[in-house]
Amino acid sequence: ISRDNAKNTVYLQMNSLKPEDTAVYYCNADIW
């Protein structure tokens, strides 16, 4: 996981993916 504050974007680089990684992926922000 990484974040680029200048672009207001968070990334998730996923390698070596497996069938069990199949899912809906959700972004979350915890603001106070």
Full PDB file with SEQRES, HELIX, SHEET, SSBOND, CRYST1, ORIGX, SCALE, CONECT and MASTER records, all heavy atoms in Angstrom:
SEQRES   1 A   32  ILE SER ARG ASP ASN ALA LYS ASN THR VAL TYR LEU GLN          
SEQRES   2 A   32  MET ASN SER LEU LYS PRO GLU ASP THR ALA VAL TYR TYR          
SEQRES   3 A   32  CYS ASN ALA ASP ILE TRP                                      
HELIX    1 AA1 ASN A    5  LYS A    7  5                                   3    
HELIX    2 AA2 PRO A   19  ASP A   21  5                                   3    
SHEET    1 AA1 2 SER A   2  ASP A   4  0                                        
SHEET    2 AA1 2 THR A   9  TYR A  11 -1                                        
CRYST1    1.000    1.000    1.000  90.00  90.00  90.00 P 1           1          
ORIGX1      1.000000  0.000000  0.000000        0.00000                         
ORIGX2      0.000000  1.000000  0.000000        0.00000                         
ORIGX3      0.000000  0.000000  1.000000        0.00000                         
SCALE1      1.000000  0.000000  0.000000        0.00000                         
SCALE2      0.000000  1.000000  0.000000        0.00000                         
SCALE3      0.000000  0.000000  1.000000        0.00000                         
ATOM      1  N   ILE A   1       0.857  -1.188   0.000  1.00  0.00           N  
ATOM      2  CA  ILE A   1       0.000   0.000   0.000  1.00  0.00           C  
ATOM      3  C   ILE A   1       0.889   1.232   0.000  1.00  0.00           C  
ATOM      4  O   ILE A   1       1.951   1.252   0.631  1.00  0.00           O  
ATOM      5  CB  ILE A   1      -0.964   0.003   1.207  1.00  0.00           C  
ATOM      6  CG1 ILE A   1      -1.983   1.134   1.079  1.00  0.00           C  
ATOM      7  CG2 ILE A   1      -0.204   0.080   2.533  1.00  0.00           C  
ATOM      8  CD1 ILE A   1      -3.108   1.070   2.111  1.00  0.00           C  
ATOM      9  N   SER A   2       0.450   2.251  -0.729  1.00  0.00           N  
ATOM     10  CA  SER A   2       1.196   3.501  -0.764  1.00  0.00           C  
ATOM     11  C   SER A   2       0.212   4.644  -0.967  1.00  0.00           C  
ATOM     12  O   SER A   2      -0.947   4.426  -1.329  1.00  0.00           O  
ATOM     13  CB  SER A   2       2.241   3.475  -1.878  1.00  0.00           C  
ATOM     14  OG  SER A   2       1.624   3.329  -3.139  1.00  0.00           O  
ATOM     15  N   ARG A   3       0.686   5.843  -0.717  1.00  0.00           N  
ATOM     16  CA  ARG A   3      -0.176   7.008  -0.890  1.00  0.00           C  
ATOM     17  C   ARG A   3       0.596   8.118  -1.570  1.00  0.00           C  
ATOM     18  O   ARG A   3       1.797   8.296  -1.324  1.00  0.00           O  
ATOM     19  CB  ARG A   3      -0.753   7.482   0.446  1.00  0.00           C  
ATOM     20  CG  ARG A   3       0.260   7.880   1.490  1.00  0.00           C  
ATOM     21  CD  ARG A   3      -0.376   7.992   2.869  1.00  0.00           C  
ATOM     22  NE  ARG A   3      -1.267   9.132   2.977  1.00  0.00           N  
ATOM     23  CZ  ARG A   3      -2.158   9.288   3.955  1.00  0.00           C  
ATOM     24  NH1 ARG A   3      -2.273   8.356   4.894  1.00  0.00           N  
ATOM     25  NH2 ARG A   3      -2.919  10.353   4.001  1.00  0.00           N  
ATOM     26  N   ASP A   4      -0.094   8.844  -2.434  1.00  0.00           N  
ATOM     27  CA  ASP A   4       0.474  10.006  -3.106  1.00  0.00           C  
ATOM     28  C   ASP A   4      -0.383  11.201  -2.686  1.00  0.00           C  
ATOM     29  O   ASP A   4      -1.462  11.422  -3.244  1.00  0.00           O  
ATOM     30  CB  ASP A   4       0.464   9.804  -4.621  1.00  0.00           C  
ATOM     31  CG  ASP A   4       1.159  10.922  -5.365  1.00  0.00           C  
ATOM     32  OD1 ASP A   4       1.247  12.047  -4.814  1.00  0.00           O  
ATOM     33  OD2 ASP A   4       1.590  10.692  -6.494  1.00  0.00           O  
ATOM     34  N   ASN A   5       0.093  11.935  -1.709  1.00  0.00           N  
ATOM     35  CA  ASN A   5      -0.701  13.044  -1.183  1.00  0.00           C  
ATOM     36  C   ASN A   5      -0.954  14.117  -2.241  1.00  0.00           C  
ATOM     37  O   ASN A   5      -1.998  14.765  -2.230  1.00  0.00           O  
ATOM     38  CB  ASN A   5      -0.018  13.657   0.041  1.00  0.00           C  
ATOM     39  CG  ASN A   5      -0.022  12.724   1.239  1.00  0.00           C  
ATOM     40  OD1 ASN A   5      -0.851  11.805   1.320  1.00  0.00           O  
ATOM     41  ND2 ASN A   5       0.905  12.924   2.156  1.00  0.00           N  
ATOM     42  N   ALA A   6      -0.015  14.301  -3.138  1.00  0.00           N  
ATOM     43  CA  ALA A   6      -0.170  15.327  -4.169  1.00  0.00           C  
ATOM     44  C   ALA A   6      -1.321  14.992  -5.119  1.00  0.00           C  
ATOM     45  O   ALA A   6      -1.961  15.896  -5.671  1.00  0.00           O  
ATOM     46  CB  ALA A   6       1.126  15.488  -4.949  1.00  0.00           C  
ATOM     47  N   LYS A   7      -1.572  13.710  -5.296  1.00  0.00           N  
ATOM     48  CA  LYS A   7      -2.642  13.274  -6.186  1.00  0.00           C  
ATOM     49  C   LYS A   7      -3.898  12.840  -5.422  1.00  0.00           C  
ATOM     50  O   LYS A   7      -4.866  12.397  -6.043  1.00  0.00           O  
ATOM     51  CB  LYS A   7      -2.161  12.117  -7.065  1.00  0.00           C  
ATOM     52  CG  LYS A   7      -1.047  12.495  -8.026  1.00  0.00           C  
ATOM     53  CD  LYS A   7      -0.657  11.318  -8.917  1.00  0.00           C  
ATOM     54  CE  LYS A   7       0.416  11.730  -9.908  1.00  0.00           C  
ATOM     55  NZ  LYS A   7       0.809  10.599 -10.799  1.00  0.00           N  
ATOM     56  N   ASN A   8      -3.842  12.950  -4.104  1.00  0.00           N  
ATOM     57  CA  ASN A   8      -4.979  12.516  -3.269  1.00  0.00           C  
ATOM     58  C   ASN A   8      -5.393  11.092  -3.596  1.00  0.00           C  
ATOM     59  O   ASN A   8      -6.586  10.770  -3.680  1.00  0.00           O  
ATOM     60  CB  ASN A   8      -6.167  13.464  -3.427  1.00  0.00           C  
ATOM     61  CG  ASN A   8      -5.857  14.858  -2.930  1.00  0.00           C  
ATOM     62  OD1 ASN A   8      -5.124  15.020  -1.956  1.00  0.00           O  
ATOM     63  ND2 ASN A   8      -6.380  15.857  -3.609  1.00  0.00           N  
ATOM     64  N   THR A   9      -4.407  10.236  -3.748  1.00  0.00           N  
ATOM     65  CA  THR A   9      -4.656   8.870  -4.200  1.00  0.00           C  
ATOM     66  C   THR A   9      -3.877   7.879  -3.345  1.00  0.00           C  
ATOM     67  O   THR A   9      -2.729   8.133  -2.986  1.00  0.00           O  
ATOM     68  CB  THR A   9      -4.274   8.704  -5.679  1.00  0.00           C  
ATOM     69  OG1 THR A   9      -5.048   9.616  -6.461  1.00  0.00           O  
ATOM     70  CG2 THR A   9      -4.546   7.289  -6.166  1.00  0.00           C  
ATOM     71  N   VAL A  10      -4.545   6.760  -3.058  1.00  0.00           N  
ATOM     72  CA  VAL A  10      -3.911   5.649  -2.378  1.00  0.00           C  
ATOM     73  C   VAL A  10      -3.893   4.465  -3.335  1.00  0.00           C  
ATOM     74  O   VAL A  10      -4.870   4.242  -4.060  1.00  0.00           O  
ATOM     75  CB  VAL A  10      -4.670   5.278  -1.087  1.00  0.00           C  
ATOM     76  CG1 VAL A  10      -4.080   4.035  -0.437  1.00  0.00           C  
ATOM     77  CG2 VAL A  10      -4.637   6.442  -0.109  1.00  0.00           C  
ATOM     78  N   TYR A  11      -2.810   3.735  -3.301  1.00  0.00           N  
ATOM     79  CA  TYR A  11      -2.632   2.611  -4.228  1.00  0.00           C  
ATOM     80  C   TYR A  11      -2.486   1.300  -3.459  1.00  0.00           C  
ATOM     81  O   TYR A  11      -2.029   1.281  -2.316  1.00  0.00           O  
ATOM     82  CB  TYR A  11      -1.384   2.818  -5.086  1.00  0.00           C  
ATOM     83  CG  TYR A  11      -1.388   4.080  -5.884  1.00  0.00           C  
ATOM     84  CD1 TYR A  11      -0.697   5.211  -5.436  1.00  0.00           C  
ATOM     85  CD2 TYR A  11      -2.077   4.163  -7.089  1.00  0.00           C  
ATOM     86  CE1 TYR A  11      -0.689   6.386  -6.158  1.00  0.00           C  
ATOM     87  CE2 TYR A  11      -2.082   5.338  -7.823  1.00  0.00           C  
ATOM     88  CZ  TYR A  11      -1.385   6.442  -7.353  1.00  0.00           C  
ATOM     89  OH  TYR A  11      -1.384   7.608  -8.083  1.00  0.00           O  
ATOM     90  N   LEU A  12      -2.846   0.232  -4.127  1.00  0.00           N  
ATOM     91  CA  LEU A  12      -2.579  -1.104  -3.610  1.00  0.00           C  
ATOM     92  C   LEU A  12      -1.980  -1.919  -4.749  1.00  0.00           C  
ATOM     93  O   LEU A  12      -2.682  -2.270  -5.697  1.00  0.00           O  
ATOM     94  CB  LEU A  12      -3.845  -1.774  -3.080  1.00  0.00           C  
ATOM     95  CG  LEU A  12      -3.628  -3.155  -2.457  1.00  0.00           C  
ATOM     96  CD1 LEU A  12      -2.840  -3.032  -1.148  1.00  0.00           C  
ATOM     97  CD2 LEU A  12      -4.962  -3.864  -2.207  1.00  0.00           C  
ATOM     98  N   GLN A  13      -0.696  -2.166  -4.655  1.00  0.00           N  
ATOM     99  CA  GLN A  13      -0.011  -3.014  -5.635  1.00  0.00           C  
ATOM    100  C   GLN A  13      -0.133  -4.458  -5.161  1.00  0.00           C  
ATOM    101  O   GLN A  13       0.301  -4.793  -4.056  1.00  0.00           O  
ATOM    102  CB  GLN A  13       1.451  -2.622  -5.755  1.00  0.00           C  
ATOM    103  CG  GLN A  13       2.254  -3.497  -6.713  1.00  0.00           C  
ATOM    104  CD  GLN A  13       1.812  -3.363  -8.151  1.00  0.00           C  
ATOM    105  OE1 GLN A  13       1.577  -2.253  -8.623  1.00  0.00           O  
ATOM    106  NE2 GLN A  13       1.685  -4.488  -8.849  1.00  0.00           N  
ATOM    107  N   MET A  14      -0.726  -5.292  -5.989  1.00  0.00           N  
ATOM    108  CA  MET A  14      -0.947  -6.689  -5.633  1.00  0.00           C  
ATOM    109  C   MET A  14      -0.183  -7.586  -6.597  1.00  0.00           C  
ATOM    110  O   MET A  14      -0.415  -7.540  -7.817  1.00  0.00           O  
ATOM    111  CB  MET A  14      -2.439  -7.030  -5.674  1.00  0.00           C  
ATOM    112  CG  MET A  14      -3.294  -6.133  -4.786  1.00  0.00           C  
ATOM    113  SD  MET A  14      -4.997  -6.693  -4.650  1.00  0.00           S  
ATOM    114  CE  MET A  14      -5.553  -6.435  -6.334  1.00  0.00           C  
ATOM    115  N   ASN A  15       0.722  -8.379  -6.067  1.00  0.00           N  
ATOM    116  CA  ASN A  15       1.513  -9.311  -6.856  1.00  0.00           C  
ATOM    117  C   ASN A  15       1.222 -10.745  -6.412  1.00  0.00           C  
ATOM    118  O   ASN A  15       0.657 -10.968  -5.347  1.00  0.00           O  
ATOM    119  CB  ASN A  15       3.004  -9.008  -6.687  1.00  0.00           C  
ATOM    120  CG  ASN A  15       3.377  -7.614  -7.133  1.00  0.00           C  
ATOM    121  OD1 ASN A  15       2.817  -7.071  -8.090  1.00  0.00           O  
ATOM    122  ND2 ASN A  15       4.329  -7.012  -6.435  1.00  0.00           N  
ATOM    123  N   SER A  16       1.634 -11.674  -7.222  1.00  0.00           N  
ATOM    124  CA  SER A  16       1.471 -13.106  -6.906  1.00  0.00           C  
ATOM    125  C   SER A  16       0.035 -13.412  -6.488  1.00  0.00           C  
ATOM    126  O   SER A  16      -0.208 -14.083  -5.473  1.00  0.00           O  
ATOM    127  CB  SER A  16       2.443 -13.510  -5.794  1.00  0.00           C  
ATOM    128  OG  SER A  16       3.786 -13.243  -6.169  1.00  0.00           O  
ATOM    129  N   LEU A  17      -0.898 -12.931  -7.264  1.00  0.00           N  
ATOM    130  CA  LEU A  17      -2.308 -13.099  -6.909  1.00  0.00           C  
ATOM    131  C   LEU A  17      -2.726 -14.559  -6.964  1.00  0.00           C  
ATOM    132  O   LEU A  17      -2.250 -15.335  -7.804  1.00  0.00           O  
ATOM    133  CB  LEU A  17      -3.182 -12.246  -7.817  1.00  0.00           C  
ATOM    134  CG  LEU A  17      -3.160 -10.751  -7.469  1.00  0.00           C  
ATOM    135  CD1 LEU A  17      -3.646  -9.919  -8.642  1.00  0.00           C  
ATOM    136  CD2 LEU A  17      -4.011 -10.483  -6.236  1.00  0.00           C  
ATOM    137  N   LYS A  18      -3.633 -14.897  -6.054  1.00  0.00           N  
ATOM    138  CA  LYS A  18      -4.145 -16.261  -5.938  1.00  0.00           C  
ATOM    139  C   LYS A  18      -5.663 -16.260  -6.152  1.00  0.00           C  
ATOM    140  O   LYS A  18      -6.314 -15.226  -5.938  1.00  0.00           O  
ATOM    141  CB  LYS A  18      -3.841 -16.804  -4.546  1.00  0.00           C  
ATOM    142  CG  LYS A  18      -2.390 -16.731  -4.129  1.00  0.00           C  
ATOM    143  CD  LYS A  18      -2.216 -17.174  -2.686  1.00  0.00           C  
ATOM    144  CE  LYS A  18      -0.769 -17.051  -2.227  1.00  0.00           C  
ATOM    145  NZ  LYS A  18      -0.603 -17.466  -0.810  1.00  0.00           N  
ATOM    146  N   PRO A  19      -6.221 -17.378  -6.519  1.00  0.00           N  
ATOM    147  CA  PRO A  19      -7.695 -17.428  -6.671  1.00  0.00           C  
ATOM    148  C   PRO A  19      -8.433 -16.976  -5.416  1.00  0.00           C  
ATOM    149  O   PRO A  19      -9.503 -16.362  -5.515  1.00  0.00           O  
ATOM    150  CB  PRO A  19      -7.955 -18.902  -6.992  1.00  0.00           C  
ATOM    151  CG  PRO A  19      -6.704 -19.351  -7.675  1.00  0.00           C  
ATOM    152  CD  PRO A  19      -5.591 -18.620  -6.980  1.00  0.00           C  
ATOM    153  N   GLU A  20      -7.871 -17.258  -4.262  1.00  0.00           N  
ATOM    154  CA  GLU A  20      -8.524 -16.857  -3.010  1.00  0.00           C  
ATOM    155  C   GLU A  20      -8.481 -15.356  -2.751  1.00  0.00           C  
ATOM    156  O   GLU A  20      -9.090 -14.869  -1.798  1.00  0.00           O  
ATOM    157  CB  GLU A  20      -7.940 -17.606  -1.814  1.00  0.00           C  
ATOM    158  CG  GLU A  20      -6.431 -17.567  -1.734  1.00  0.00           C  
ATOM    159  CD  GLU A  20      -5.768 -18.785  -2.334  1.00  0.00           C  
ATOM    160  OE1 GLU A  20      -6.191 -19.229  -3.431  1.00  0.00           O  
ATOM    161  OE2 GLU A  20      -4.801 -19.304  -1.705  1.00  0.00           O  
ATOM    162  N   ASP A  21      -7.779 -14.619  -3.595  1.00  0.00           N  
ATOM    163  CA  ASP A  21      -7.794 -13.155  -3.502  1.00  0.00           C  
ATOM    164  C   ASP A  21      -9.004 -12.553  -4.217  1.00  0.00           C  
ATOM    165  O   ASP A  21      -9.223 -11.341  -4.157  1.00  0.00           O  
ATOM    166  CB  ASP A  21      -6.517 -12.565  -4.102  1.00  0.00           C  
ATOM    167  CG  ASP A  21      -5.278 -12.920  -3.301  1.00  0.00           C  
ATOM    168  OD1 ASP A  21      -5.325 -12.866  -2.055  1.00  0.00           O  
ATOM    169  OD2 ASP A  21      -4.250 -13.249  -3.931  1.00  0.00           O  
ATOM    170  N   THR A  22      -9.768 -13.388  -4.875  1.00  0.00           N  
ATOM    171  CA  THR A  22     -10.963 -12.909  -5.568  1.00  0.00           C  
ATOM    172  C   THR A  22     -11.954 -12.304  -4.586  1.00  0.00           C  
ATOM    173  O   THR A  22     -12.336 -12.949  -3.605  1.00  0.00           O  
ATOM    174  CB  THR A  22     -11.634 -14.065  -6.334  1.00  0.00           C  
ATOM    175  OG1 THR A  22     -10.740 -14.511  -7.362  1.00  0.00           O  
ATOM    176  CG2 THR A  22     -12.952 -13.622  -6.959  1.00  0.00           C  
ATOM    177  N   ALA A  23     -12.334 -11.057  -4.825  1.00  0.00           N  
ATOM    178  CA  ALA A  23     -13.222 -10.338  -3.918  1.00  0.00           C  
ATOM    179  C   ALA A  23     -13.506  -8.958  -4.497  1.00  0.00           C  
ATOM    180  O   ALA A  23     -12.879  -8.543  -5.477  1.00  0.00           O  
ATOM    181  CB  ALA A  23     -12.581 -10.188  -2.534  1.00  0.00           C  
ATOM    182  N   VAL A  24     -14.434  -8.270  -3.861  1.00  0.00           N  
ATOM    183  CA  VAL A  24     -14.612  -6.846  -4.120  1.00  0.00           C  
ATOM    184  C   VAL A  24     -13.697  -6.102  -3.146  1.00  0.00           C  
ATOM    185  O   VAL A  24     -13.729  -6.356  -1.932  1.00  0.00           O  
ATOM    186  CB  VAL A  24     -16.067  -6.394  -3.933  1.00  0.00           C  
ATOM    187  CG1 VAL A  24     -16.191  -4.892  -4.162  1.00  0.00           C  
ATOM    188  CG2 VAL A  24     -16.984  -7.157  -4.884  1.00  0.00           C  
ATOM    189  N   TYR A  25     -12.891  -5.229  -3.684  1.00  0.00           N  
ATOM    190  CA  TYR A  25     -11.932  -4.464  -2.877  1.00  0.00           C  
ATOM    191  C   TYR A  25     -12.473  -3.048  -2.665  1.00  0.00           C  
ATOM    192  O   TYR A  25     -12.838  -2.361  -3.629  1.00  0.00           O  
ATOM    193  CB  TYR A  25     -10.578  -4.440  -3.563  1.00  0.00           C  
ATOM    194  CG  TYR A  25      -9.835  -5.750  -3.422  1.00  0.00           C  
ATOM    195  CD1 TYR A  25     -10.285  -6.901  -4.076  1.00  0.00           C  
ATOM    196  CD2 TYR A  25      -8.708  -5.864  -2.615  1.00  0.00           C  
ATOM    197  CE1 TYR A  25      -9.639  -8.118  -3.929  1.00  0.00           C  
ATOM    198  CE2 TYR A  25      -8.041  -7.074  -2.471  1.00  0.00           C  
ATOM    199  CZ  TYR A  25      -8.517  -8.195  -3.124  1.00  0.00           C  
ATOM    200  OH  TYR A  25      -7.863  -9.403  -2.975  1.00  0.00           O  
ATOM    201  N   TYR A  26     -12.489  -2.635  -1.418  1.00  0.00           N  
ATOM    202  CA  TYR A  26     -13.039  -1.333  -1.040  1.00  0.00           C  
ATOM    203  C   TYR A  26     -11.957  -0.434  -0.449  1.00  0.00           C  
ATOM    204  O   TYR A  26     -11.138  -0.883   0.355  1.00  0.00           O  
ATOM    205  CB  TYR A  26     -14.136  -1.500   0.012  1.00  0.00           C  
ATOM    206  CG  TYR A  26     -15.340  -2.258  -0.447  1.00  0.00           C  
ATOM    207  CD1 TYR A  26     -15.429  -3.634  -0.279  1.00  0.00           C  
ATOM    208  CD2 TYR A  26     -16.410  -1.597  -1.055  1.00  0.00           C  
ATOM    209  CE1 TYR A  26     -16.552  -4.338  -0.692  1.00  0.00           C  
ATOM    210  CE2 TYR A  26     -17.536  -2.295  -1.466  1.00  0.00           C  
ATOM    211  CZ  TYR A  26     -17.589  -3.661  -1.287  1.00  0.00           C  
ATOM    212  OH  TYR A  26     -18.706  -4.354  -1.704  1.00  0.00           O  
ATOM    213  N   CYS A  27     -12.017   0.820  -0.833  1.00  0.00           N  
ATOM    214  CA  CYS A  27     -11.149   1.828  -0.234  1.00  0.00           C  
ATOM    215  C   CYS A  27     -11.852   2.415   0.984  1.00  0.00           C  
ATOM    216  O   CYS A  27     -13.079   2.597   0.984  1.00  0.00           O  
ATOM    217  CB  CYS A  27     -10.861   2.913  -1.262  1.00  0.00           C  
ATOM    218  SG  CYS A  27      -9.764   4.226  -0.677  1.00  0.00           S  
ATOM    219  N   ASN A  28     -11.079   2.719   1.992  1.00  0.00           N  
ATOM    220  CA  ASN A  28     -11.623   3.269   3.236  1.00  0.00           C  
ATOM    221  C   ASN A  28     -10.784   4.445   3.695  1.00  0.00           C  
ATOM    222  O   ASN A  28      -9.562   4.434   3.576  1.00  0.00           O  
ATOM    223  CB  ASN A  28     -11.635   2.185   4.314  1.00  0.00           C  
ATOM    224  CG  ASN A  28     -11.972   2.739   5.692  1.00  0.00           C  
ATOM    225  OD1 ASN A  28     -11.073   3.098   6.465  1.00  0.00           O  
ATOM    226  ND2 ASN A  28     -13.240   2.800   5.994  1.00  0.00           N  
ATOM    227  N   ALA A  29     -11.479   5.453   4.227  1.00  0.00           N  
ATOM    228  CA  ALA A  29     -10.794   6.585   4.854  1.00  0.00           C  
ATOM    229  C   ALA A  29     -11.357   6.776   6.258  1.00  0.00           C  
ATOM    230  O   ALA A  29     -12.570   6.829   6.431  1.00  0.00           O  
ATOM    231  CB  ALA A  29     -10.975   7.854   4.037  1.00  0.00           C  
ATOM    232  N   ASP A  30     -10.476   6.820   7.220  1.00  0.00           N  
ATOM    233  CA  ASP A  30     -10.849   7.075   8.618  1.00  0.00           C  
ATOM    234  C   ASP A  30     -10.493   8.521   8.908  1.00  0.00           C  
ATOM    235  O   ASP A  30      -9.310   8.858   9.021  1.00  0.00           O  
ATOM    236  CB  ASP A  30     -10.094   6.122   9.535  1.00  0.00           C  
ATOM    237  CG  ASP A  30     -10.335   6.407  11.014  1.00  0.00           C  
ATOM    238  OD1 ASP A  30     -10.984   7.413  11.340  1.00  0.00           O  
ATOM    239  OD2 ASP A  30      -9.854   5.615  11.837  1.00  0.00           O  
ATOM    240  N   ILE A  31     -11.526   9.351   9.008  1.00  0.00           N  
ATOM    241  CA  ILE A  31     -11.305  10.780   9.230  1.00  0.00           C  
ATOM    242  C   ILE A  31     -11.890  11.120  10.595  1.00  0.00           C  
ATOM    243  O   ILE A  31     -13.105  11.230  10.753  1.00  0.00           O  
ATOM    244  CB  ILE A  31     -11.943  11.623   8.120  1.00  0.00           C  
ATOM    245  CG1 ILE A  31     -11.390  11.184   6.763  1.00  0.00           C  
ATOM    246  CG2 ILE A  31     -11.680  13.106   8.360  1.00  0.00           C  
ATOM    247  CD1 ILE A  31     -12.031  11.892   5.579  1.00  0.00           C  
ATOM    248  N   TRP A  32     -11.011  11.217  11.553  1.00  0.00           N  
ATOM    249  CA  TRP A  32     -11.394  11.545  12.932  1.00  0.00           C  
ATOM    250  C   TRP A  32     -12.512  10.648  13.442  1.00  0.00           C  
ATOM    251  O   TRP A  32     -13.494  11.128  14.018  1.00  0.00           O  
ATOM    252  CB  TRP A  32     -11.782  13.023  13.043  1.00  0.00           C  
ATOM    253  CG  TRP A  32     -10.642  13.925  12.696  1.00  0.00           C  
ATOM    254  CD1 TRP A  32     -10.511  14.693  11.595  1.00  0.00           C  
ATOM    255  CD2 TRP A  32      -9.432  14.111  13.446  1.00  0.00           C  
ATOM    256  NE1 TRP A  32      -9.316  15.366  11.604  1.00  0.00           N  
ATOM    257  CE2 TRP A  32      -8.619  15.039  12.718  1.00  0.00           C  
ATOM    258  CE3 TRP A  32      -8.939  13.602  14.658  1.00  0.00           C  
ATOM    259  CZ2 TRP A  32      -7.371  15.453  13.174  1.00  0.00           C  
ATOM    260  CZ3 TRP A  32      -7.692  14.020  15.108  1.00  0.00           C  
ATOM    261  CH2 TRP A  32      -6.917  14.927  14.367  1.00  0.00           C  
TER     262      TRP A  32                                                      
MASTER        0    0    0    2    2    0    0    6  261    1    0    3          
END                                                                             
